[in-house]
Amino acid sequence: SLFRLKDLEVPKLGDSDVHVKMLAAPINPADINMIEGTYPLLSPLPAVGGNEGVGEVLEVGRRVTALKPGDWVIPADTGLGTWRTRGVFPEEMLLKVPSDIPVLCAATLSINPCTAFRVLADFESLAPGDSVIQNAANSGVGQAVIQIARASGIKTINVVRDRPNLPKLVERLMALGADHVVTEEMLRKPEMKDIFKSLPRPRLALNCVGGKSTTEMLRHLQPKGTMVTYGGMAKQPVMVPVSAFIFRDVRLRGFWMTQWRKDHAQDQGSVAGMMDALCELIRRGQLTAPACTEVPLQDYRAALEASMKPFVSSKQILLL
């Protein structure tokens, strides 16, 4: 295995540093990709895994003004290495979050809900009553899309893979606020027309699968609609029928949260605006953490294995 649990000394606190006690950190697909070396960002080895999580500030260097002991913080960017109990980080690598939200919401806030927020906001100007179609709707991003869309009056058509316990999954997504849940097979069926009797065809499609699933989703997109790809779980290319390009003028775009953060590093207003909006939804009970399984750090091997199994509907969260 590539992993070991190691005891290290906590480095000395510099003037602009923050000593953080980590509370909880999830295992995301991108964390695994980084470890496998199949991600565009690679940490110099030996490295601490984990790009997301929440911690409590224990102590701050004398130049640190924005944070104080007791504050909750999350990574401002990828590559922080959150799978640890303690860390000393430069102040600019951390974002303060309110400590009145549930710890699992804070631990899973910086990647999936932010991705969901941006893909809903940045590509099509959606109004209440408009609809969105997405695949892998039970993923962390998918669950956040359902809830954020619901809070804004936007309808969601949610595509999932057929599986043994499908009715249970459908029920769970409907409880989050999904308007329709369909399997990939159903995308091809004439019954899809029934859905569009009650809601408009989507202007926006969100893809994190690729392959056949994407081609099938595109069929249902409105003319001049946009499909945004933010992941490729099927490890297959996005195939677009020529007719969709010519006769329906669909747009294909890509989105990577890490790049958005880089592009907006100087624009603290847009980052703060997004975080405030998400925290407000969490406080109102309109955005919850994805289904989680909490695992103590020493059981990290079991958690990593569980996170790589197919049809996992629960995110593994290391408790630190």
Foldseek 3Di string as FASTA:
>chain_A
DLDDDDDDDADDAAQQKWKWFFFKAFDDPVQVCQSVVNDPDHDPPPAATGFFGKTFTCCHHNNHDPDHGGWMKIFLAGRPRRLDRMHMGGPLRIDTADPVFDRLCRRLPPAQLLVLVCLQPPDDHDAAQAEEEEEPLLDQNNLNNQLVCQVRNYAYEYEYADDDPVVVVQVVSVVLRHPHYYYLVCLPDPCVVVVCVRGPQHLEYEYAAADPSQQSSLVRHAQQGEYEYEHHNNPYHHDYPPCCCPVRVYHYYYDYSNVVSVVCVVPVVVVVVSSVVSVVCSVVVSGDGFAEDEDESVVVVVQVVLCPDPPDSYIYMYGD
